[in-house]
């Protein structure tokens, strides 16, 4: 019997039964945060739905969401 999230269950099936997915691994918390940080730094002109540029408070919200989802 498997106990876990649907995401982990699907990843487990892909990694065990689909050869092209056997080489993939899940990101650690640190890797996930570094990836988000790189994305935010690469897109300095990223704008909100209202058209204003992201401020530090907006970036903090993105980090919080990453923590909640990770």
Protein backbone atom coordinates (compact mmCIF):
# COMPACT_ATOMS: atom_id res chain seq x y z
CA UNK A 1 0.00 0.00 0.00
CA UNK A 2 1.35 3.44 -0.95
CA UNK A 3 0.90 6.41 1.37
CA UNK A 4 1.82 9.87 0.07
CA UNK A 5 0.64 12.77 -2.02
CA UNK A 6 -0.76 12.30 -5.49
CA UNK A 7 2.29 14.16 -6.81
CA UNK A 8 4.70 11.75 -5.14
CA UNK A 9 2.63 8.79 -6.29
CA UNK A 10 2.69 9.96 -9.93
CA UNK A 11 6.42 10.74 -9.78
CA UNK A 12 7.05 7.28 -8.34
CA UNK A 13 5.13 5.64 -11.20
CA UNK A 14 6.95 7.72 -13.82
CA UNK A 15 10.38 7.02 -12.33
CA UNK A 16 9.74 3.28 -12.07
CA UNK A 17 7.89 2.55 -15.31
CA UNK A 18 8.75 5.21 -17.90
CA UNK A 19 12.43 4.95 -18.88
CA UNK A 20 12.91 8.59 -19.92
CA UNK A 21 11.85 9.76 -16.43
CA UNK A 22 14.28 7.48 -14.54
CA UNK A 23 17.00 10.13 -14.74
CA UNK A 24 14.92 12.85 -13.04
CA UNK A 25 14.98 13.63 -9.33
CA UNK A 26 12.90 15.93 -7.18
CA UNK A 27 14.36 19.26 -6.10
CA UNK A 28 15.37 19.65 -2.48
CA UNK A 29 14.07 22.67 -0.56
CA UNK A 30 17.38 24.44 -1.10
CA UNK A 31 17.43 23.68 -4.84
CA UNK A 32 13.84 24.89 -5.16
CA UNK A 33 14.62 28.19 -3.43
CA UNK A 34 17.75 28.71 -5.55
CA UNK A 35 15.72 28.10 -8.72
CA UNK A 36 13.09 30.64 -7.64
CA UNK A 37 15.80 33.14 -6.72
CA UNK A 38 17.49 32.72 -10.11
CA UNK A 39 14.17 33.23 -11.86
CA UNK A 40 13.42 36.38 -9.91
CA UNK A 41 16.89 37.76 -10.66
CA UNK A 42 16.67 36.91 -14.36
CA UNK A 43 13.37 38.74 -14.67
CA UNK A 44 14.00 42.09 -12.99
CA UNK A 45 11.16 43.70 -14.92
CA UNK A 46 8.63 41.06 -13.91
CA UNK A 47 5.33 42.81 -13.36
CA UNK A 48 2.23 42.11 -11.30
CA UNK A 49 -1.24 41.76 -12.81
CA UNK A 50 -1.79 45.47 -12.21
CA UNK A 51 1.31 46.33 -14.28
CA UNK A 52 3.65 47.48 -11.52
CA UNK A 53 7.17 46.08 -11.11
CA UNK A 54 7.71 43.50 -8.37
CA UNK A 55 8.96 44.98 -5.11
CA UNK A 56 10.74 43.21 -2.24
CA UNK A 57 7.40 42.60 -0.52
CA UNK A 58 6.12 40.80 -3.63
CA UNK A 59 9.26 38.67 -3.73
CA UNK A 60 8.78 37.81 -0.04
CA UNK A 61 5.26 36.58 -0.86
CA UNK A 62 6.67 34.36 -3.62
CA UNK A 63 9.17 32.87 -1.13
CA UNK A 64 6.35 32.26 1.37
CA UNK A 65 4.29 30.46 -1.27
CA UNK A 66 7.30 28.33 -2.19
CA UNK A 67 7.69 27.35 1.48
CA UNK A 68 4.02 26.46 1.77
CA UNK A 69 4.04 24.39 -1.43
CA UNK A 70 7.41 22.75 -0.85
